[in-house]
């Protein structure tokens, strides 16, 4: 189910993004990018609609995925 980022509290959204950018395998390359810069980039992608937050109720987990991989998935209130 899609979770609109605007519905999350600011600190919850930041924690979700921070967990995502520090997740094993999420960081590629050999350059060190400051955490705030990584978070800002993901936030920009959320605002532009490039990526979306997806909640899996079976696993009770959230992740951030490219929106073009979602097919016809709808937001949680649609």
PDB file of N, CA and C in Angstrom:
ATOM      1  N   UNK A   1       0.844  -1.153   0.000  1.00  0.00           N
ATOM      2  CA  UNK A   1       0.000   0.000   0.000  1.00  0.00           C
ATOM      3  C   UNK A   1       0.902   1.233   0.000  1.00  0.00           C
ATOM      4  N   UNK A   2       0.514   2.235  -0.765  1.00  0.00           N
ATOM      5  CA  UNK A   2       1.262   3.490  -0.824  1.00  0.00           C
ATOM      6  C   UNK A   2       0.950   4.355   0.390  1.00  0.00           C
ATOM      7  N   UNK A   3       1.972   4.970   0.924  1.00  0.00           N
ATOM      8  CA  UNK A   3       1.806   5.890   2.038  1.00  0.00           C
ATOM      9  C   UNK A   3       2.257   7.271   1.577  1.00  0.00           C
ATOM     10  N   UNK A   4       1.347   8.225   1.440  1.00  0.00           N
ATOM     11  CA  UNK A   4       1.755   9.579   1.056  1.00  0.00           C
ATOM     12  C   UNK A   4       2.706  10.164   2.110  1.00  0.00           C
ATOM     13  N   UNK A   5       3.845  10.639   1.660  1.00  0.00           N
ATOM     14  CA  UNK A   5       4.843  11.141   2.604  1.00  0.00           C
ATOM     15  C   UNK A   5       4.304  12.301   3.435  1.00  0.00           C
ATOM     16  N   UNK A   6       3.349  13.045   2.884  1.00  0.00           N
ATOM     17  CA  UNK A   6       2.785  14.195   3.587  1.00  0.00           C
ATOM     18  C   UNK A   6       1.996  13.786   4.828  1.00  0.00           C
ATOM     19  N   UNK A   7       1.586  12.524   4.904  1.00  0.00           N
ATOM     20  CA  UNK A   7       0.798  12.051   6.039  1.00  0.00           C
ATOM     21  C   UNK A   7       1.657  11.617   7.221  1.00  0.00           C
ATOM     22  N   UNK A   8       2.961  11.575   7.037  1.00  0.00           N
ATOM     23  CA  UNK A   8       3.858  11.163   8.111  1.00  0.00           C
ATOM     24  C   UNK A   8       4.351  12.379   8.891  1.00  0.00           C
ATOM     25  N   UNK A   9       4.527  12.206  10.182  1.00  0.00           N
ATOM     26  CA  UNK A   9       5.150  13.238  11.003  1.00  0.00           C
ATOM     27  C   UNK A   9       6.573  13.469  10.478  1.00  0.00           C
ATOM     28  N   UNK A  10       7.074  14.690  10.594  1.00  0.00           N
ATOM     29  CA  UNK A  10       8.392  15.044  10.052  1.00  0.00           C
ATOM     30  C   UNK A  10       9.501  14.150  10.610  1.00  0.00           C
ATOM     31  N   UNK A  11       9.488  13.879  11.908  1.00  0.00           N
ATOM     32  CA  UNK A  11      10.547  13.049  12.485  1.00  0.00           C
ATOM     33  C   UNK A  11      10.414  11.586  12.067  1.00  0.00           C
ATOM     34  N   UNK A  12       9.196  11.117  11.871  1.00  0.00           N
ATOM     35  CA  UNK A  12       8.980   9.753  11.389  1.00  0.00           C
ATOM     36  C   UNK A  12       9.467   9.613   9.951  1.00  0.00           C
ATOM     37  N   UNK A  13       9.148  10.600   9.115  1.00  0.00           N
ATOM     38  CA  UNK A  13       9.593  10.587   7.724  1.00  0.00           C
ATOM     39  C   UNK A  13      11.111  10.610   7.657  1.00  0.00           C
ATOM     40  N   UNK A  14      11.742  11.476   8.440  1.00  0.00           N
ATOM     41  CA  UNK A  14      13.207  11.546   8.435  1.00  0.00           C
ATOM     42  C   UNK A  14      13.814  10.213   8.867  1.00  0.00           C
ATOM     43  N   UNK A  15      13.260   9.589   9.911  1.00  0.00           N
ATOM     44  CA  UNK A  15      13.778   8.301  10.378  1.00  0.00           C
ATOM     45  C   UNK A  15      13.627   7.228   9.304  1.00  0.00           C
ATOM     46  N   UNK A  16      12.512   7.231   8.600  1.00  0.00           N
ATOM     47  CA  UNK A  16      12.294   6.274   7.517  1.00  0.00           C
ATOM     48  C   UNK A  16      13.309   6.481   6.396  1.00  0.00           C
ATOM     49  N   UNK A  17      13.501   7.728   5.995  1.00  0.00           N
ATOM     50  CA  UNK A  17      14.462   8.028   4.929  1.00  0.00           C
ATOM     51  C   UNK A  17      15.878   7.681   5.382  1.00  0.00           C
ATOM     52  N   UNK A  18      16.207   8.028   6.613  1.00  0.00           N
ATOM     53  CA  UNK A  18      17.548   7.730   7.134  1.00  0.00           C
ATOM     54  C   UNK A  18      17.805   6.226   7.142  1.00  0.00           C
ATOM     55  N   UNK A  19      16.820   5.460   7.579  1.00  0.00           N
ATOM     56  CA  UNK A  19      16.972   3.997   7.573  1.00  0.00           C
ATOM     57  C   UNK A  19      17.155   3.499   6.146  1.00  0.00           C
ATOM     58  N   UNK A  20      16.415   4.072   5.212  1.00  0.00           N
ATOM     59  CA  UNK A  20      16.506   3.660   3.820  1.00  0.00           C
ATOM     60  C   UNK A  20      17.899   3.936   3.247  1.00  0.00           C
ATOM     61  N   UNK A  21      18.429   5.129   3.467  1.00  0.00           N
ATOM     62  CA  UNK A  21      19.720   5.474   2.856  1.00  0.00           C
ATOM     63  C   UNK A  21      20.896   4.794   3.536  1.00  0.00           C
ATOM     64  N   UNK A  22      20.703   4.276   4.741  1.00  0.00           N
ATOM     65  CA  UNK A  22      21.788   3.561   5.415  1.00  0.00           C
ATOM     66  C   UNK A  22      21.637   2.041   5.330  1.00  0.00           C
ATOM     67  N   UNK A  23      20.578   1.601   4.717  1.00  0.00           N
ATOM     68  CA  UNK A  23      20.310   0.165   4.578  1.00  0.00           C
ATOM     69  C   UNK A  23      21.452  -0.503   3.811  1.00  0.00           C
ATOM     70  N   UNK A  24      21.774  -1.726   4.163  1.00  0.00           N
ATOM     71  CA  UNK A  24      22.819  -2.476   3.453  1.00  0.00           C
ATOM     72  C   UNK A  24      22.516  -2.531   1.968  1.00  0.00           C
ATOM     73  N   UNK A  25      23.494  -2.178   1.173  1.00  0.00           N
ATOM     74  CA  UNK A  25      23.342  -2.225  -0.277  1.00  0.00           C
ATOM     75  C   UNK A  25      22.733  -0.984  -0.882  1.00  0.00           C
ATOM     76  N   UNK A  26      22.208  -0.079  -0.061  1.00  0.00           N
ATOM     77  CA  UNK A  26      21.580   1.129  -0.608  1.00  0.00           C
ATOM     78  C   UNK A  26      22.609   2.166  -1.029  1.00  0.00           C
ATOM     79  N   UNK A  27      23.775   2.128  -0.406  1.00  0.00           N
ATOM     80  CA  UNK A  27      24.818   3.090  -0.723  1.00  0.00           C
ATOM     81  C   UNK A  27      25.748   2.460  -1.743  1.00  0.00           C
ATOM     82  N   UNK A  28      25.871   3.110  -2.890  1.00  0.00           N
ATOM     83  CA  UNK A  28      26.712   2.578  -3.948  1.00  0.00           C
ATOM     84  C   UNK A  28      27.818   3.573  -4.255  1.00  0.00           C
ATOM     85  N   UNK A  29      28.927   3.065  -4.765  1.00  0.00           N
ATOM     86  CA  UNK A  29      30.036   3.939  -5.102  1.00  0.00           C
ATOM     87  C   UNK A  29      30.975   4.081  -3.913  1.00  0.00           C
ATOM     88  N   UNK A  30      32.007   4.875  -4.129  1.00  0.00           N
ATOM     89  CA  UNK A  30      33.036   5.001  -3.109  1.00  0.00           C
ATOM     90  C   UNK A  30      33.171   6.418  -2.585  1.00  0.00           C
ATOM     91  N   UNK A  31      32.219   7.278  -2.840  1.00  0.00           N
ATOM     92  CA  UNK A  31      32.320   8.634  -2.328  1.00  0.00           C
ATOM     93  C   UNK A  31      31.420   8.793  -1.114  1.00  0.00           C
ATOM     94  N   UNK A  32      31.914   9.580  -0.180  1.00  0.00           N
ATOM     95  CA  UNK A  32      31.156   9.821   1.047  1.00  0.00           C
ATOM     96  C   UNK A  32      30.252  11.026   0.863  1.00  0.00           C
ATOM     97  N   UNK A  33      28.949  10.778   0.927  1.00  0.00           N
ATOM     98  CA  UNK A  33      27.969  11.848   0.833  1.00  0.00           C
ATOM     99  C   UNK A  33      27.399  12.059   2.227  1.00  0.00           C
ATOM    100  N   UNK A  34      27.377  13.296   2.704  1.00  0.00           N
ATOM    101  CA  UNK A  34      26.824  13.545   4.040  1.00  0.00           C
ATOM    102  C   UNK A  34      25.378  13.057   4.158  1.00  0.00           C
ATOM    103  N   UNK A  35      25.030  12.554   5.347  1.00  0.00           N
ATOM    104  CA  UNK A  35      23.698  12.005   5.593  1.00  0.00           C
ATOM    105  C   UNK A  35      22.606  13.017   5.247  1.00  0.00           C
ATOM    106  N   UNK A  36      22.768  14.274   5.664  1.00  0.00           N
ATOM    107  CA  UNK A  36      21.739  15.278   5.375  1.00  0.00           C
ATOM    108  C   UNK A  36      21.534  15.456   3.879  1.00  0.00           C
ATOM    109  N   UNK A  37      22.599  15.331   3.109  1.00  0.00           N
ATOM    110  CA  UNK A  37      22.490  15.456   1.657  1.00  0.00           C
ATOM    111  C   UNK A  37      21.738  14.265   1.063  1.00  0.00           C
ATOM    112  N   UNK A  38      21.998  13.074   1.577  1.00  0.00           N
ATOM    113  CA  UNK A  38      21.288  11.882   1.106  1.00  0.00           C
ATOM    114  C   UNK A  38      19.795  11.988   1.414  1.00  0.00           C
ATOM    115  N   UNK A  39      19.487  12.442   2.633  1.00  0.00           N
ATOM    116  CA  UNK A  39      18.093  12.590   3.050  1.00  0.00           C
ATOM    117  C   UNK A  39      17.395  13.637   2.192  1.00  0.00           C
ATOM    118  N   UNK A  40      18.076  14.744   1.931  1.00  0.00           N
ATOM    119  CA  UNK A  40      17.500  15.804   1.098  1.00  0.00           C
ATOM    120  C   UNK A  40      17.213  15.307  -0.313  1.00  0.00           C
ATOM    121  N   UNK A  41      18.100  14.477  -0.856  1.00  0.00           N
ATOM    122  CA  UNK A  41      17.889  13.937  -2.199  1.00  0.00           C
ATOM    123  C   UNK A  41      16.654  13.043  -2.246  1.00  0.00           C
ATOM    124  N   UNK A  42      16.496  12.169  -1.258  1.00  0.00           N
ATOM    125  CA  UNK A  42      15.323  11.290  -1.230  1.00  0.00           C
ATOM    126  C   UNK A  42      14.056  12.121  -1.024  1.00  0.00           C
ATOM    127  N   UNK A  43      14.119  13.137  -0.172  1.00  0.00           N
ATOM    128  CA  UNK A  43      12.957  14.010   0.042  1.00  0.00           C
ATOM    129  C   UNK A  43      12.572  14.705  -1.252  1.00  0.00           C
ATOM    130  N   UNK A  44      13.558  15.178  -1.996  1.00  0.00           N
ATOM    131  CA  UNK A  44      13.297  15.819  -3.291  1.00  0.00           C
ATOM    132  C   UNK A  44      12.609  14.840  -4.241  1.00  0.00           C
ATOM    133  N   UNK A  45      13.062  13.589  -4.241  1.00  0.00           N
ATOM    134  CA  UNK A  45      12.464  12.565  -5.105  1.00  0.00           C
ATOM    135  C   UNK A  45      11.036  12.244  -4.672  1.00  0.00           C
ATOM    136  N   UNK A  46      10.765  12.249  -3.369  1.00  0.00           N
ATOM    137  CA  UNK A  46       9.398  12.038  -2.886  1.00  0.00           C
ATOM    138  C   UNK A  46       8.493  13.177  -3.347  1.00  0.00           C
ATOM    139  N   UNK A  47       8.961  14.411  -3.188  1.00  0.00           N
ATOM    140  CA  UNK A  47       8.157  15.579  -3.565  1.00  0.00           C
ATOM    141  C   UNK A  47       7.885  15.631  -5.056  1.00  0.00           C
ATOM    142  N   UNK A  48       8.854  15.192  -5.869  1.00  0.00           N
ATOM    143  CA  UNK A  48       8.674  15.240  -7.321  1.00  0.00           C
ATOM    144  C   UNK A  48       7.874  14.050  -7.843  1.00  0.00           C
ATOM    145  N   UNK A  49       7.669  13.050  -7.003  1.00  0.00           N
ATOM    146  CA  UNK A  49       6.913  11.871  -7.429  1.00  0.00           C
ATOM    147  C   UNK A  49       7.760  10.800  -8.086  1.00  0.00           C
ATOM    148  N   UNK A  50       9.073  10.944  -8.053  1.00  0.00           N
ATOM    149  CA  UNK A  50       9.955   9.929  -8.635  1.00  0.00           C
ATOM    150  C   UNK A  50       9.945   8.639  -7.832  1.00  0.00           C
ATOM    151  N   UNK A  51       9.828   8.770  -6.510  1.00  0.00           N
ATOM    152  CA  UNK A  51       9.805   7.612  -5.626  1.00  0.00           C
ATOM    153  C   UNK A  51       8.586   7.705  -4.718  1.00  0.00           C
ATOM    154  N   UNK A  52       8.261   6.582  -4.089  1.00  0.00           N
ATOM    155  CA  UNK A  52       7.098   6.529  -3.202  1.00  0.00           C
ATOM    156  C   UNK A  52       7.409   5.635  -2.013  1.00  0.00           C
ATOM    157  N   UNK A  53       6.692   5.863  -0.925  1.00  0.00           N
ATOM    158  CA  UNK A  53       6.804   5.020   0.262  1.00  0.00           C
ATOM    159  C   UNK A  53       5.762   3.916   0.155  1.00  0.00           C
ATOM    160  N   UNK A  54       6.213   2.684   0.335  1.00  0.00           N
ATOM    161  CA  UNK A  54       5.322   1.531   0.251  1.00  0.00           C
ATOM    162  C   UNK A  54       5.376   0.774   1.575  1.00  0.00           C
ATOM    163  N   UNK A  55       4.193   0.476   2.113  1.00  0.00           N
ATOM    164  CA  UNK A  55       4.070  -0.315   3.335  1.00  0.00           C
ATOM    165  C   UNK A  55       3.567  -1.694   2.976  1.00  0.00           C
ATOM    166  N   UNK A  56       4.242  -2.718   3.486  1.00  0.00           N
ATOM    167  CA  UNK A  56       3.816  -4.104   3.288  1.00  0.00           C
ATOM    168  C   UNK A  56       3.157  -4.568   4.583  1.00  0.00           C
ATOM    169  N   UNK A  57       1.815  -4.690   4.597  1.00  0.00           N
ATOM    170  CA  UNK A  57       1.129  -5.062   5.839  1.00  0.00           C
ATOM    171  C   UNK A  57       1.452  -6.481   6.311  1.00  0.00           C
ATOM    172  N   UNK A  58       1.831  -7.362   5.395  1.00  0.00           N
ATOM    173  CA  UNK A  58       2.173  -8.729   5.798  1.00  0.00           C
ATOM    174  C   UNK A  58       3.463  -8.756   6.601  1.00  0.00           C
ATOM    175  N   UNK A  59       4.471  -8.025   6.122  1.00  0.00           N
ATOM    176  CA  UNK A  59       5.763  -7.968   6.801  1.00  0.00           C
ATOM    177  C   UNK A  59       5.852  -6.828   7.811  1.00  0.00           C
ATOM    178  N   UNK A  60       4.886  -5.907   7.736  1.00  0.00           N
ATOM    179  CA  UNK A  60       4.884  -4.698   8.560  1.00  0.00           C
ATOM    180  C   UNK A  60       6.177  -3.911   8.377  1.00  0.00           C
ATOM    181  N   UNK A  61       6.553  -3.719   7.093  1.00  0.00           N
ATOM    182  CA  UNK A  61       7.763  -2.981   6.758  1.00  0.00           C
ATOM    183  C   UNK A  61       7.435  -1.890   5.746  1.00  0.00           C
ATOM    184  N   UNK A  62       8.274  -0.858   5.748  1.00  0.00           N
ATOM    185  CA  UNK A  62       8.176   0.226   4.769  1.00  0.00           C
ATOM    186  C   UNK A  62       9.446   0.268   3.957  1.00  0.00           C
ATOM    187  N   UNK A  63       9.326   0.693   2.719  1.00  0.00           N
ATOM    188  CA  UNK A  63      10.489   0.943   1.898  1.00  0.00           C
ATOM    189  C   UNK A  63      10.164   2.072   0.940  1.00  0.00           C
ATOM    190  N   UNK A  64      11.176   2.538   0.263  1.00  0.00           N
ATOM    191  CA  UNK A  64      11.024   3.601  -0.725  1.00  0.00           C
ATOM    192  C   UNK A  64      11.438   3.012  -2.059  1.00  0.00           C
ATOM    193  N   UNK A  65      10.555   3.135  -3.049  1.00  0.00           N
ATOM    194  CA  UNK A  65      10.799   2.518  -4.356  1.00  0.00           C
ATOM    195  C   UNK A  65      10.537   3.523  -5.467  1.00  0.00           C
ATOM    196  N   UNK A  66      11.163   3.286  -6.641  1.00  0.00           N
ATOM    197  CA  UNK A  66      10.837   4.140  -7.790  1.00  0.00           C
ATOM    198  C   UNK A  66       9.359   3.998  -8.129  1.00  0.00           C
ATOM    199  N   UNK A  67       8.694   5.109  -8.365  1.00  0.00           N
ATOM    200  CA  UNK A  67       7.255   5.088  -8.605  1.00  0.00           C
ATOM    201  C   UNK A  67       6.892   4.325  -9.884  1.00  0.00           C
ATOM    202  N   UNK A  68       7.797   4.321 -10.864  1.00  0.00           N
ATOM    203  CA  UNK A  68       7.491   3.628 -12.116  1.00  0.00           C
ATOM    204  C   UNK A  68       7.484   2.106 -11.964  1.00  0.00           C
ATOM    205  N   UNK A  69       7.828   1.587 -10.788  1.00  0.00           N
ATOM    206  CA  UNK A  69       7.794   0.135 -10.561  1.00  0.00           C
ATOM    207  C   UNK A  69       6.518  -0.319  -9.863  1.00  0.00           C
ATOM    208  N   UNK A  70       5.616   0.626  -9.589  1.00  0.00           N
ATOM    209  CA  UNK A  70       4.441   0.321  -8.773  1.00  0.00           C
ATOM    210  C   UNK A  70       3.224  -0.154  -9.548  1.00  0.00           C
ATOM    211  N   UNK A  71       3.220  -0.001 -10.842  1.00  0.00           N
ATOM    212  CA  UNK A  71       2.056  -0.386 -11.605  1.00  0.00           C
ATOM    213  C   UNK A  71       0.837   0.405 -11.182  1.00  0.00           C
ATOM    214  N   UNK A  72      -0.253  -0.254 -10.857  1.00  0.00           N
ATOM    215  CA  UNK A  72      -1.494   0.421 -10.508  1.00  0.00           C
ATOM    216  C   UNK A  72      -1.729   0.574  -9.021  1.00  0.00           C
ATOM    217  N   UNK A  73      -0.678   0.439  -8.197  1.00  0.00           N
ATOM    218  CA  UNK A  73      -0.853   0.540  -6.750  1.00  0.00           C
ATOM    219  C   UNK A  73      -1.407   1.930  -6.389  1.00  0.00           C
ATOM    220  N   UNK A  74      -2.327   1.939  -5.461  1.00  0.00           N
ATOM    221  CA  UNK A  74      -2.990   3.179  -5.035  1.00  0.00           C
ATOM    222  C   UNK A  74      -2.558   3.548  -3.621  1.00  0.00           C
ATOM    223  N   UNK A  75      -2.776   4.795  -3.271  1.00  0.00           N
ATOM    224  CA  UNK A  75      -2.510   5.260  -1.913  1.00  0.00           C
ATOM    225  C   UNK A  75      -3.444   4.555  -0.934  1.00  0.00           C
ATOM    226  N   UNK A  76      -3.076   4.570   0.333  1.00  0.00           N
ATOM    227  CA  UNK A  76      -3.824   3.811   1.335  1.00  0.00           C
ATOM    228  C   UNK A  76      -5.268   4.258   1.501  1.00  0.00           C
ATOM    229  N   UNK A  77      -5.597   5.482   1.103  1.00  0.00           N
ATOM    230  CA  UNK A  77      -6.964   5.953   1.289  1.00  0.00           C
ATOM    231  C   UNK A  77      -7.778   5.948  -0.004  1.00  0.00           C
ATOM    232  N   UNK A  78      -7.226   5.389  -1.059  1.00  0.00           N
ATOM    233  CA  UNK A  78      -7.957   5.354  -2.340  1.00  0.00           C
ATOM    234  C   UNK A  78      -8.550   3.988  -2.583  1.00  0.00           C
TER     235      UNK A  78
END
